[in-house]
């Protein structure tokens, strides 16, 4: 069935399938009998069952919270402290005002670039606005070493994979968390860190959405196929689209990193390619183990930037044809933990 782009404020925010159904009128010249009513009832029951089965392909509703489980944090943004690897750490937790506390919340881990901070990345990605509309929580993580994640891993520095896991635990203590819907996204070095979480924390991270930072370097041994959606500009001068000679810090091209995840997820065949706009192309691996799709949005002429960001960038062109935040969330909705 054809894929149709849906637009809001001139941004492509997702796709849906479209189908048309033919109807045929039948004239009946006799009055209905008891048998006819019974046949109609059976037909309606069969149709209802078919509709329920069809709806089963959609996302399951979030589990309800137990009556005694109440949120320990107020809505809005809260600064939270914890100790991880023996080091004092912090992060910022955003809880939407729209949450009524009755359903468990999905969580998106948001990872800033290097150099940057949790607050700067919040403005860049505008995930809080989307979280308010869609009803999920955001944990904005902050690196311990000033402005950089420990990825590639260096001895003597805090373990940021453990830190991310500790943040998930802390959020779970603070509010009613849907542990099947914990995701990670990040920009540049934060995208590289999100890739590491998919490798090392696949039992907790359901899917990832790196922007200008996807990697699939060694070692990478996830316990299961991890769905991936990523975005990268062809004119990125910081993390070049075609790769460079920085080894583990960058090295492989973006296409090679995408292919690495497609191979890890046992995806079959070449990717499907679709033009999303004059400057955006989507390459999709659909036939993957456990439905773990891999999607790659290529932004022609795009710089080292976050697609759809409201913040102008000195590092190149920022496309407004798509919103990476919105597309990532819709991808996450389709891919809870199996």
C-alpha atoms as a PDB file:
ATOM      1  CA  UNK A   1       0.000   0.000   0.000  1.00  0.00           C
ATOM      2  CA  UNK A   2       1.337   3.487  -0.762  1.00  0.00           C
ATOM      3  CA  UNK A   3       2.934   5.513   2.006  1.00  0.00           C
ATOM      4  CA  UNK A   4       1.525   8.990   2.437  1.00  0.00           C
ATOM      5  CA  UNK A   5       3.426  11.754   4.197  1.00  0.00           C
ATOM      6  CA  UNK A   6       1.538  13.607   6.913  1.00  0.00           C
ATOM      7  CA  UNK A   7       2.447  17.272   7.389  1.00  0.00           C
ATOM      8  CA  UNK A   8       2.186  19.658  10.306  1.00  0.00           C
ATOM      9  CA  UNK A   9       3.666  23.120   9.979  1.00  0.00           C
ATOM     10  CA  UNK A  10       5.325  21.910   6.759  1.00  0.00           C
ATOM     11  CA  UNK A  11       7.252  19.190   8.602  1.00  0.00           C
ATOM     12  CA  UNK A  12       6.964  15.552   7.735  1.00  0.00           C
ATOM     13  CA  UNK A  13       6.121  13.901  11.049  1.00  0.00           C
ATOM     14  CA  UNK A  14       5.359  10.368  10.028  1.00  0.00           C
ATOM     15  CA  UNK A  15       3.733   8.053   7.545  1.00  0.00           C
ATOM     16  CA  UNK A  16       0.651   5.906   7.428  1.00  0.00           C
ATOM     17  CA  UNK A  17      -0.816   3.339   5.116  1.00  0.00           C
ATOM     18  CA  UNK A  18      -3.885   4.145   3.052  1.00  0.00           C
ATOM     19  CA  UNK A  19      -6.411   1.661   1.674  1.00  0.00           C
ATOM     20  CA  UNK A  20      -9.710   2.019  -0.163  1.00  0.00           C
ATOM     21  CA  UNK A  21     -12.592  -0.379   0.198  1.00  0.00           C
ATOM     22  CA  UNK A  22     -15.232  -1.064  -2.425  1.00  0.00           C
ATOM     23  CA  UNK A  23     -18.900  -1.222  -1.465  1.00  0.00           C
ATOM     24  CA  UNK A  24     -21.705  -3.048  -3.201  1.00  0.00           C
ATOM     25  CA  UNK A  25     -25.420  -2.453  -2.697  1.00  0.00           C
ATOM     26  CA  UNK A  26     -27.729  -5.478  -2.579  1.00  0.00           C
ATOM     27  CA  UNK A  27     -31.527  -5.149  -2.743  1.00  0.00           C
ATOM     28  CA  UNK A  28     -33.641  -7.603  -0.748  1.00  0.00           C
ATOM     29  CA  UNK A  29     -37.294  -8.163  -1.680  1.00  0.00           C
ATOM     30  CA  UNK A  30     -38.368 -10.194   1.361  1.00  0.00           C
ATOM     31  CA  UNK A  31     -38.820  -9.319   5.024  1.00  0.00           C
ATOM     32  CA  UNK A  32     -36.036 -10.433   7.362  1.00  0.00           C
ATOM     33  CA  UNK A  33     -36.648 -13.604   9.328  1.00  0.00           C
ATOM     34  CA  UNK A  34     -35.311 -14.830  12.676  1.00  0.00           C
ATOM     35  CA  UNK A  35     -32.735 -16.848  10.776  1.00  0.00           C
ATOM     36  CA  UNK A  36     -31.684 -13.728   8.874  1.00  0.00           C
ATOM     37  CA  UNK A  37     -31.182 -11.810  12.118  1.00  0.00           C
ATOM     38  CA  UNK A  38     -29.064 -14.668  13.464  1.00  0.00           C
ATOM     39  CA  UNK A  39     -26.941 -14.638  10.333  1.00  0.00           C
ATOM     40  CA  UNK A  40     -26.471 -10.873  10.674  1.00  0.00           C
ATOM     41  CA  UNK A  41     -25.479 -11.272  14.310  1.00  0.00           C
ATOM     42  CA  UNK A  42     -22.887 -13.911  13.405  1.00  0.00           C
ATOM     43  CA  UNK A  43     -21.540 -11.676  10.651  1.00  0.00           C
ATOM     44  CA  UNK A  44     -21.243  -8.715  13.048  1.00  0.00           C
ATOM     45  CA  UNK A  45     -19.448 -10.881  15.592  1.00  0.00           C
ATOM     46  CA  UNK A  46     -16.992 -12.077  12.946  1.00  0.00           C
ATOM     47  CA  UNK A  47     -16.373  -8.489  11.827  1.00  0.00           C
ATOM     48  CA  UNK A  48     -15.764  -7.381  15.409  1.00  0.00           C
ATOM     49  CA  UNK A  49     -13.254 -10.186  15.917  1.00  0.00           C
ATOM     50  CA  UNK A  50     -11.472  -9.242  12.700  1.00  0.00           C
ATOM     51  CA  UNK A  51     -11.267  -5.600  13.788  1.00  0.00           C
ATOM     52  CA  UNK A  52      -9.836  -6.569  17.165  1.00  0.00           C
ATOM     53  CA  UNK A  53      -7.212  -8.746  15.468  1.00  0.00           C
ATOM     54  CA  UNK A  54      -6.310  -5.929  13.099  1.00  0.00           C
ATOM     55  CA  UNK A  55      -5.944  -3.485  15.967  1.00  0.00           C
ATOM     56  CA  UNK A  56      -3.546  -5.884  17.653  1.00  0.00           C
ATOM     57  CA  UNK A  57      -0.754  -4.645  15.382  1.00  0.00           C
ATOM     58  CA  UNK A  58      -0.839  -1.200  17.006  1.00  0.00           C
ATOM     59  CA  UNK A  59       0.996  -0.120  20.159  1.00  0.00           C
ATOM     60  CA  UNK A  60      -0.362  -1.647  23.335  1.00  0.00           C
ATOM     61  CA  UNK A  61      -1.727   0.778  25.948  1.00  0.00           C
ATOM     62  CA  UNK A  62       0.584   1.717  28.796  1.00  0.00           C
ATOM     63  CA  UNK A  63       0.156  -0.434  31.909  1.00  0.00           C
ATOM     64  CA  UNK A  64      -1.933   1.133  34.641  1.00  0.00           C
ATOM     65  CA  UNK A  65      -0.233   2.216  37.877  1.00  0.00           C
ATOM     66  CA  UNK A  66      -1.181   0.545  41.129  1.00  0.00           C
ATOM     67  CA  UNK A  67      -3.319   2.747  43.437  1.00  0.00           C
ATOM     68  CA  UNK A  68      -0.568   2.976  46.043  1.00  0.00           C
ATOM     69  CA  UNK A  69       2.051   4.045  43.433  1.00  0.00           C
ATOM     70  CA  UNK A  70       2.170   7.846  43.451  1.00  0.00           C
ATOM     71  CA  UNK A  71       4.652  10.150  41.783  1.00  0.00           C
ATOM     72  CA  UNK A  72       7.480  11.452  43.950  1.00  0.00           C
ATOM     73  CA  UNK A  73       8.140  14.362  41.589  1.00  0.00           C
ATOM     74  CA  UNK A  74       6.051  17.281  40.425  1.00  0.00           C
ATOM     75  CA  UNK A  75       5.296  17.908  36.775  1.00  0.00           C
ATOM     76  CA  UNK A  76       7.709  20.111  34.857  1.00  0.00           C
ATOM     77  CA  UNK A  77      11.484  20.044  35.193  1.00  0.00           C
ATOM     78  CA  UNK A  78      13.269  18.705  38.288  1.00  0.00           C
ATOM     79  CA  UNK A  79      16.991  18.529  38.992  1.00  0.00           C
ATOM     80  CA  UNK A  80      17.863  15.161  40.527  1.00  0.00           C
ATOM     81  CA  UNK A  81      21.104  13.960  42.114  1.00  0.00           C
ATOM     82  CA  UNK A  82      22.478  10.437  42.438  1.00  0.00           C
ATOM     83  CA  UNK A  83      25.734   8.568  42.992  1.00  0.00           C
ATOM     84  CA  UNK A  84      26.987   6.332  40.169  1.00  0.00           C
ATOM     85  CA  UNK A  85      30.353   4.555  40.123  1.00  0.00           C
ATOM     86  CA  UNK A  86      31.121   6.351  43.373  1.00  0.00           C
ATOM     87  CA  UNK A  87      30.776   9.738  41.667  1.00  0.00           C
ATOM     88  CA  UNK A  88      28.177  12.414  42.391  1.00  0.00           C
ATOM     89  CA  UNK A  89      26.060  12.813  39.251  1.00  0.00           C
ATOM     90  CA  UNK A  90      22.926  14.701  38.277  1.00  0.00           C
ATOM     91  CA  UNK A  91      20.305  14.808  35.574  1.00  0.00           C
ATOM     92  CA  UNK A  92      17.127  16.741  34.792  1.00  0.00           C
ATOM     93  CA  UNK A  93      13.756  14.994  34.713  1.00  0.00           C
ATOM     94  CA  UNK A  94      10.849  16.433  32.736  1.00  0.00           C
ATOM     95  CA  UNK A  95       7.365  15.130  33.588  1.00  0.00           C
ATOM     96  CA  UNK A  96       4.492  16.391  31.406  1.00  0.00           C
ATOM     97  CA  UNK A  97       1.703  18.417  33.023  1.00  0.00           C
ATOM     98  CA  UNK A  98      -0.710  16.253  31.039  1.00  0.00           C
ATOM     99  CA  UNK A  99       0.183  13.117  33.035  1.00  0.00           C
ATOM    100  CA  UNK A 100      -2.584  12.118  35.436  1.00  0.00           C
ATOM    101  CA  UNK A 101      -0.574   9.466  37.286  1.00  0.00           C
ATOM    102  CA  UNK A 102      -2.947   6.674  36.302  1.00  0.00           C
ATOM    103  CA  UNK A 103      -0.858   5.204  33.470  1.00  0.00           C
ATOM    104  CA  UNK A 104       2.835   4.389  33.532  1.00  0.00           C
ATOM    105  CA  UNK A 105       5.069   6.767  31.595  1.00  0.00           C
ATOM    106  CA  UNK A 106       7.454   6.058  28.742  1.00  0.00           C
ATOM    107  CA  UNK A 107      10.930   7.538  29.196  1.00  0.00           C
ATOM    108  CA  UNK A 108      13.336   9.056  26.676  1.00  0.00           C
ATOM    109  CA  UNK A 109      16.980   9.442  27.728  1.00  0.00           C
ATOM    110  CA  UNK A 110      18.317  12.612  26.082  1.00  0.00           C
ATOM    111  CA  UNK A 111      22.101  12.882  25.609  1.00  0.00           C
ATOM    112  CA  UNK A 112      23.848  16.166  24.822  1.00  0.00           C
ATOM    113  CA  UNK A 113      26.675  16.644  22.333  1.00  0.00           C
ATOM    114  CA  UNK A 114      30.331  17.338  23.099  1.00  0.00           C
ATOM    115  CA  UNK A 115      30.875  20.105  24.044  1.00  0.00           C
ATOM    116  CA  UNK A 116      27.435  21.022  25.360  1.00  0.00           C
ATOM    117  CA  UNK A 117      25.173  20.464  28.364  1.00  0.00           C
ATOM    118  CA  UNK A 118      21.811  18.974  29.251  1.00  0.00           C
ATOM    119  CA  UNK A 119      20.176  22.397  29.237  1.00  0.00           C
ATOM    120  CA  UNK A 120      21.577  23.418  25.863  1.00  0.00           C
ATOM    121  CA  UNK A 121      20.486  20.129  24.316  1.00  0.00           C
ATOM    122  CA  UNK A 122      16.972  20.522  25.740  1.00  0.00           C
ATOM    123  CA  UNK A 123      16.630  23.777  23.803  1.00  0.00           C
ATOM    124  CA  UNK A 124      18.160  22.276  20.654  1.00  0.00           C
ATOM    125  CA  UNK A 125      15.928  19.183  20.488  1.00  0.00           C
ATOM    126  CA  UNK A 126      12.782  20.778  21.983  1.00  0.00           C
ATOM    127  CA  UNK A 127      11.864  17.363  23.382  1.00  0.00           C
ATOM    128  CA  UNK A 128      10.048  18.871  26.358  1.00  0.00           C
ATOM    129  CA  UNK A 129       7.413  20.408  24.101  1.00  0.00           C
ATOM    130  CA  UNK A 130       6.880  17.073  22.363  1.00  0.00           C
ATOM    131  CA  UNK A 131       6.814  15.239  25.705  1.00  0.00           C
ATOM    132  CA  UNK A 132       4.018  17.529  26.889  1.00  0.00           C
ATOM    133  CA  UNK A 133       1.978  16.868  23.761  1.00  0.00           C
ATOM    134  CA  UNK A 134       2.598  13.121  23.567  1.00  0.00           C
ATOM    135  CA  UNK A 135       2.712  12.338  27.288  1.00  0.00           C
ATOM    136  CA  UNK A 136       6.163  10.867  28.001  1.00  0.00           C
ATOM    137  CA  UNK A 137       8.963  11.726  30.422  1.00  0.00           C
ATOM    138  CA  UNK A 138      12.426  12.966  29.430  1.00  0.00           C
ATOM    139  CA  UNK A 139      15.612  12.373  31.422  1.00  0.00           C
ATOM    140  CA  UNK A 140      18.221  14.898  30.301  1.00  0.00           C
ATOM    141  CA  UNK A 141      21.554  13.336  31.258  1.00  0.00           C
ATOM    142  CA  UNK A 142      24.677  15.350  32.072  1.00  0.00           C
ATOM    143  CA  UNK A 143      28.209  14.073  31.447  1.00  0.00           C
ATOM    144  CA  UNK A 144      30.569  13.947  34.446  1.00  0.00           C
ATOM    145  CA  UNK A 145      33.681  15.037  32.594  1.00  0.00           C
ATOM    146  CA  UNK A 146      33.001  18.631  31.480  1.00  0.00           C
ATOM    147  CA  UNK A 147      30.921  18.446  28.325  1.00  0.00           C
ATOM    148  CA  UNK A 148      31.916  14.962  27.085  1.00  0.00           C
ATOM    149  CA  UNK A 149      30.738  11.346  27.465  1.00  0.00           C
ATOM    150  CA  UNK A 150      33.061   8.451  28.233  1.00  0.00           C
ATOM    151  CA  UNK A 151      32.643   6.930  24.780  1.00  0.00           C
ATOM    152  CA  UNK A 152      34.965   5.599  23.456  1.00  0.00           C
ATOM    153  CA  UNK A 153      35.622   4.261  26.938  1.00  0.00           C
ATOM    154  CA  UNK A 154      38.732   5.582  28.688  1.00  0.00           C
ATOM    155  CA  UNK A 155      40.103   4.033  31.884  1.00  0.00           C
ATOM    156  CA  UNK A 156      39.807   6.155  35.004  1.00  0.00           C
ATOM    157  CA  UNK A 157      36.688   7.981  33.870  1.00  0.00           C
ATOM    158  CA  UNK A 158      33.135   7.357  35.181  1.00  0.00           C
ATOM    159  CA  UNK A 159      31.118   4.568  33.589  1.00  0.00           C
ATOM    160  CA  UNK A 160      28.406   6.375  31.606  1.00  0.00           C
ATOM    161  CA  UNK A 161      26.587   3.150  30.664  1.00  0.00           C
ATOM    162  CA  UNK A 162      26.168   2.403  34.371  1.00  0.00           C
ATOM    163  CA  UNK A 163      25.151   6.041  34.930  1.00  0.00           C
ATOM    164  CA  UNK A 164      22.373   5.726  32.315  1.00  0.00           C
ATOM    165  CA  UNK A 165      21.177   2.525  33.978  1.00  0.00           C
ATOM    166  CA  UNK A 166      21.246   4.236  37.387  1.00  0.00           C
ATOM    167  CA  UNK A 167      19.181   7.111  35.960  1.00  0.00           C
ATOM    168  CA  UNK A 168      16.542   4.642  34.749  1.00  0.00           C
ATOM    169  CA  UNK A 169      16.438   3.133  38.250  1.00  0.00           C
ATOM    170  CA  UNK A 170      16.100   6.581  39.816  1.00  0.00           C
ATOM    171  CA  UNK A 171      13.257   7.559  37.495  1.00  0.00           C
ATOM    172  CA  UNK A 172      11.555   4.265  38.351  1.00  0.00           C
ATOM    173  CA  UNK A 173      11.706   5.186  42.036  1.00  0.00           C
ATOM    174  CA  UNK A 174      10.395   8.696  41.374  1.00  0.00           C
ATOM    175  CA  UNK A 175       7.375   7.859  39.226  1.00  0.00           C
ATOM    176  CA  UNK A 176       5.400   5.018  37.671  1.00  0.00           C
ATOM    177  CA  UNK A 177       7.684   3.994  34.775  1.00  0.00           C
ATOM    178  CA  UNK A 178       6.796   1.733  31.855  1.00  0.00           C
ATOM    179  CA  UNK A 179      10.033  -0.263  31.700  1.00  0.00           C
ATOM    180  CA  UNK A 180       9.136  -1.665  28.256  1.00  0.00           C
ATOM    181  CA  UNK A 181       9.213   1.860  26.827  1.00  0.00           C
ATOM    182  CA  UNK A 182      12.608   3.288  27.729  1.00  0.00           C
ATOM    183  CA  UNK A 183      14.432   4.837  24.761  1.00  0.00           C
ATOM    184  CA  UNK A 184      17.580   6.854  24.055  1.00  0.00           C
ATOM    185  CA  UNK A 185      18.412   9.686  21.689  1.00  0.00           C
ATOM    186  CA  UNK A 186      21.344  12.052  21.463  1.00  0.00           C
ATOM    187  CA  UNK A 187      23.218  14.497  19.263  1.00  0.00           C
ATOM    188  CA  UNK A 188      26.795  14.077  17.965  1.00  0.00           C
ATOM    189  CA  UNK A 189      28.771  12.675  20.926  1.00  0.00           C
ATOM    190  CA  UNK A 190      25.403  12.025  22.567  1.00  0.00           C
ATOM    191  CA  UNK A 191      24.384  10.038  19.503  1.00  0.00           C
ATOM    192  CA  UNK A 192      27.573   8.021  19.855  1.00  0.00           C
ATOM    193  CA  UNK A 193      26.682   7.450  23.520  1.00  0.00           C
ATOM    194  CA  UNK A 194      23.139   6.368  22.565  1.00  0.00           C
ATOM    195  CA  UNK A 195      24.711   3.859  20.184  1.00  0.00           C
ATOM    196  CA  UNK A 196      26.811   2.502  23.063  1.00  0.00           C
ATOM    197  CA  UNK A 197      23.696   2.112  25.215  1.00  0.00           C
ATOM    198  CA  UNK A 198      22.103   0.005  22.471  1.00  0.00           C
ATOM    199  CA  UNK A 199      25.214  -2.195  22.446  1.00  0.00           C
ATOM    200  CA  UNK A 200      25.648  -2.564  26.215  1.00  0.00           C
ATOM    201  CA  UNK A 201      22.203  -1.897  27.707  1.00  0.00           C
ATOM    202  CA  UNK A 202      19.864  -3.624  25.261  1.00  0.00           C
ATOM    203  CA  UNK A 203      18.022  -5.302  28.125  1.00  0.00           C
ATOM    204  CA  UNK A 204      16.806  -1.861  29.233  1.00  0.00           C
ATOM    205  CA  UNK A 205      16.852   0.370  26.131  1.00  0.00           C
ATOM    206  CA  UNK A 206      14.054  -0.552  23.716  1.00  0.00           C
ATOM    207  CA  UNK A 207      15.204   1.541  20.715  1.00  0.00           C
ATOM    208  CA  UNK A 208      17.563   4.421  19.870  1.00  0.00           C
ATOM    209  CA  UNK A 209      17.525   7.551  17.702  1.00  0.00           C
ATOM    210  CA  UNK A 210      21.018   9.076  17.309  1.00  0.00           C
ATOM    211  CA  UNK A 211      21.297  12.370  15.400  1.00  0.00           C
ATOM    212  CA  UNK A 212      24.609  13.083  13.632  1.00  0.00           C
ATOM    213  CA  UNK A 213      26.316  10.425  15.720  1.00  0.00           C
ATOM    214  CA  UNK A 214      25.300   6.808  14.984  1.00  0.00           C
ATOM    215  CA  UNK A 215      28.104   4.276  15.473  1.00  0.00           C
ATOM    216  CA  UNK A 216      28.391   0.508  15.336  1.00  0.00           C
ATOM    217  CA  UNK A 217      31.972   0.001  16.376  1.00  0.00           C
ATOM    218  CA  UNK A 218      33.487  -2.955  18.155  1.00  0.00           C
ATOM    219  CA  UNK A 219      32.812  -4.291  20.622  1.00  0.00           C
ATOM    220  CA  UNK A 220      29.033  -4.235  20.219  1.00  0.00           C
ATOM    221  CA  UNK A 221      27.164  -7.293  21.503  1.00  0.00           C
ATOM    222  CA  UNK A 222      23.513  -6.469  22.271  1.00  0.00           C
ATOM    223  CA  UNK A 223      21.455  -9.265  23.806  1.00  0.00           C
ATOM    224  CA  UNK A 224      18.722  -8.790  21.175  1.00  0.00           C
ATOM    225  CA  UNK A 225      18.057  -6.858  17.943  1.00  0.00           C
ATOM    226  CA  UNK A 226      17.675  -3.139  18.751  1.00  0.00           C
ATOM    227  CA  UNK A 227      15.521  -0.901  16.488  1.00  0.00           C
ATOM    228  CA  UNK A 228      17.432   2.146  15.225  1.00  0.00           C
ATOM    229  CA  UNK A 229      16.394   5.380  13.521  1.00  0.00           C
ATOM    230  CA  UNK A 230      19.092   7.919  12.708  1.00  0.00           C
ATOM    231  CA  UNK A 231      19.561  11.254  10.928  1.00  0.00           C
ATOM    232  CA  UNK A 232      22.656  12.700   9.252  1.00  0.00           C
ATOM    233  CA  UNK A 233      23.496  15.585   6.938  1.00  0.00           C
ATOM    234  CA  UNK A 234      25.713  15.050   3.921  1.00  0.00           C
ATOM    235  CA  UNK A 235      27.567  18.324   4.633  1.00  0.00           C
ATOM    236  CA  UNK A 236      28.396  17.531   8.267  1.00  0.00           C
ATOM    237  CA  UNK A 237      31.923  18.879   8.884  1.00  0.00           C
ATOM    238  CA  UNK A 238      32.236  17.586  12.480  1.00  0.00           C
ATOM    239  CA  UNK A 239      31.217  13.954  11.973  1.00  0.00           C
ATOM    240  CA  UNK A 240      31.659  13.580   8.213  1.00  0.00           C
ATOM    241  CA  UNK A 241      29.026  11.615   6.330  1.00  0.00           C
ATOM    242  CA  UNK A 242      31.742   9.594   4.561  1.00  0.00           C
ATOM    243  CA  UNK A 243      33.720   8.969   7.758  1.00  0.00           C
ATOM    244  CA  UNK A 244      37.274  10.001   8.640  1.00  0.00           C
ATOM    245  CA  UNK A 245      40.447   8.713  10.279  1.00  0.00           C
ATOM    246  CA  UNK A 246      39.565   9.318  13.964  1.00  0.00           C
ATOM    247  CA  UNK A 247      39.258   5.609  14.711  1.00  0.00           C
ATOM    248  CA  UNK A 248      36.747   4.737  17.425  1.00  0.00           C
ATOM    249  CA  UNK A 249      35.694   8.357  17.909  1.00  0.00           C
ATOM    250  CA  UNK A 250      34.312   8.454  14.359  1.00  0.00           C
ATOM    251  CA  UNK A 251      36.049   6.445  11.624  1.00  0.00           C
ATOM    252  CA  UNK A 252      33.409   4.472   9.715  1.00  0.00           C
ATOM    253  CA  UNK A 253      30.999   6.233   7.363  1.00  0.00           C
ATOM    254  CA  UNK A 254      27.375   6.703   8.405  1.00  0.00           C
ATOM    255  CA  UNK A 255      26.270   4.197   5.750  1.00  0.00           C
ATOM    256  CA  UNK A 256      28.691   1.633   7.224  1.00  0.00           C
ATOM    257  CA  UNK A 257      27.323   2.238  10.727  1.00  0.00           C
ATOM    258  CA  UNK A 258      23.752   1.821   9.482  1.00  0.00           C
ATOM    259  CA  UNK A 259      24.719  -1.361   7.637  1.00  0.00           C
ATOM    260  CA  UNK A 260      26.358  -2.630  10.835  1.00  0.00           C
ATOM    261  CA  UNK A 261      23.089  -2.301  12.743  1.00  0.00           C
ATOM    262  CA  UNK A 262      21.120  -3.819   9.866  1.00  0.00           C
ATOM    263  CA  UNK A 263      23.459  -6.821   9.946  1.00  0.00           C
ATOM    264  CA  UNK A 264      23.252  -7.076  13.742  1.00  0.00           C
ATOM    265  CA  UNK A 265      19.432  -7.055  13.467  1.00  0.00           C
ATOM    266  CA  UNK A 266      19.514  -9.753  10.745  1.00  0.00           C
ATOM    267  CA  UNK A 267      17.737  -7.486   8.266  1.00  0.00           C
ATOM    268  CA  UNK A 268      17.132  -9.042   4.855  1.00  0.00           C
ATOM    269  CA  UNK A 269      17.825  -7.434   1.502  1.00  0.00           C
ATOM    270  CA  UNK A 270      18.875  -3.892   0.588  1.00  0.00           C
ATOM    271  CA  UNK A 271      17.118  -0.915   2.193  1.00  0.00           C
ATOM    272  CA  UNK A 272      13.976   0.583   0.704  1.00  0.00           C
ATOM    273  CA  UNK A 273      14.603   4.160  -0.439  1.00  0.00           C
ATOM    274  CA  UNK A 274      11.918   6.840  -0.401  1.00  0.00           C
ATOM    275  CA  UNK A 275      12.073  10.561  -1.116  1.00  0.00           C
ATOM    276  CA  UNK A 276      10.538  12.404   1.839  1.00  0.00           C
ATOM    277  CA  UNK A 277      11.140  15.894   0.431  1.00  0.00           C
ATOM    278  CA  UNK A 278      13.423  17.632  -2.038  1.00  0.00           C
ATOM    279  CA  UNK A 279      16.246  17.469   0.517  1.00  0.00           C
ATOM    280  CA  UNK A 280      15.422  14.434   2.667  1.00  0.00           C
ATOM    281  CA  UNK A 281      15.647  10.746   1.742  1.00  0.00           C
ATOM    282  CA  UNK A 282      14.693   7.816   3.959  1.00  0.00           C
ATOM    283  CA  UNK A 283      16.455   4.447   3.687  1.00  0.00           C
ATOM    284  CA  UNK A 284      14.623   1.698   5.562  1.00  0.00           C
ATOM    285  CA  UNK A 285      15.446  -1.883   6.476  1.00  0.00           C
ATOM    286  CA  UNK A 286      12.047  -3.463   7.246  1.00  0.00           C
ATOM    287  CA  UNK A 287      12.519  -7.235   7.236  1.00  0.00           C
ATOM    288  CA  UNK A 288      14.555  -7.589  10.418  1.00  0.00           C
ATOM    289  CA  UNK A 289      14.629 -10.046  13.304  1.00  0.00           C
ATOM    290  CA  UNK A 290      11.930  -9.380  15.925  1.00  0.00           C
ATOM    291  CA  UNK A 291      10.697  -6.440  13.838  1.00  0.00           C
ATOM    292  CA  UNK A 292      13.803  -4.403  14.778  1.00  0.00           C
ATOM    293  CA  UNK A 293      13.730  -1.938  11.876  1.00  0.00           C
ATOM    294  CA  UNK A 294      16.653   0.279  10.920  1.00  0.00           C
ATOM    295  CA  UNK A 295      15.809   3.677   9.380  1.00  0.00           C
ATOM    296  CA  UNK A 296      18.239   6.258   8.041  1.00  0.00           C
ATOM    297  CA  UNK A 297      17.230   9.834   7.138  1.00  0.00           C
ATOM    298  CA  UNK A 298      19.757  11.451   4.791  1.00  0.00           C
ATOM    299  CA  UNK A 299      19.609  15.263   4.672  1.00  0.00           C
ATOM    300  CA  UNK A 300      21.147  16.584   1.455  1.00  0.00           C
ATOM    301  CA  UNK A 301      23.323  19.576   2.312  1.00  0.00           C
ATOM    302  CA  UNK A 302      22.499  19.217   6.010  1.00  0.00           C
ATOM    303  CA  UNK A 303      25.164  20.321   8.457  1.00  0.00           C
ATOM    304  CA  UNK A 304      26.118  19.071  11.908  1.00  0.00           C
ATOM    305  CA  UNK A 305      22.618  19.890  13.073  1.00  0.00           C
ATOM    306  CA  UNK A 306      19.368  18.571  14.570  1.00  0.00           C
ATOM    307  CA  UNK A 307      16.641  18.417  11.868  1.00  0.00           C
ATOM    308  CA  UNK A 308      13.677  20.603  12.759  1.00  0.00           C
ATOM    309  CA  UNK A 309      15.459  22.344  15.628  1.00  0.00           C
ATOM    310  CA  UNK A 310      14.151  25.828  16.476  1.00  0.00           C
ATOM    311  CA  UNK A 311      17.754  26.912  17.210  1.00  0.00           C
ATOM    312  CA  UNK A 312      19.907  28.172  14.287  1.00  0.00           C
ATOM    313  CA  UNK A 313      23.322  26.523  14.095  1.00  0.00           C
ATOM    314  CA  UNK A 314      26.766  27.851  13.175  1.00  0.00           C
ATOM    315  CA  UNK A 315      27.650  24.299  12.062  1.00  0.00           C
ATOM    316  CA  UNK A 316      25.609  24.211   8.883  1.00  0.00           C
ATOM    317  CA  UNK A 317      22.152  24.027   7.402  1.00  0.00           C
ATOM    318  CA  UNK A 318      19.213  22.972   9.623  1.00  0.00           C
ATOM    319  CA  UNK A 319      16.441  21.405   7.564  1.00  0.00           C
ATOM    320  CA  UNK A 320      12.867  22.196   8.576  1.00  0.00           C
ATOM    321  CA  UNK A 321      11.380  19.608   6.221  1.00  0.00           C
ATOM    322  CA  UNK A 322      11.354  17.054   9.026  1.00  0.00           C
ATOM    323  CA  UNK A 323      11.548  17.047  12.806  1.00  0.00           C
ATOM    324  CA  UNK A 324      14.021  14.489  14.147  1.00  0.00           C
ATOM    325  CA  UNK A 325      12.336  14.655  17.563  1.00  0.00           C
ATOM    326  CA  UNK A 326       8.866  13.909  16.194  1.00  0.00           C
ATOM    327  CA  UNK A 327      10.005  11.135  13.877  1.00  0.00           C
ATOM    328  CA  UNK A 328      12.081   9.560  16.652  1.00  0.00           C
ATOM    329  CA  UNK A 329       9.110   9.513  19.017  1.00  0.00           C
ATOM    330  CA  UNK A 330       6.818   7.906  16.437  1.00  0.00           C
ATOM    331  CA  UNK A 331       9.510   5.299  15.808  1.00  0.00           C
ATOM    332  CA  UNK A 332       9.734   4.662  19.552  1.00  0.00           C
ATOM    333  CA  UNK A 333       5.959   4.209  19.797  1.00  0.00           C
ATOM    334  CA  UNK A 334       6.224   1.388  17.259  1.00  0.00           C
ATOM    335  CA  UNK A 335       9.106  -0.307  19.062  1.00  0.00           C
ATOM    336  CA  UNK A 336       8.576  -1.035  22.748  1.00  0.00           C
ATOM    337  CA  UNK A 337      10.715  -3.718  24.352  1.00  0.00           C
ATOM    338  CA  UNK A 338       9.615  -7.172  23.057  1.00  0.00           C
END
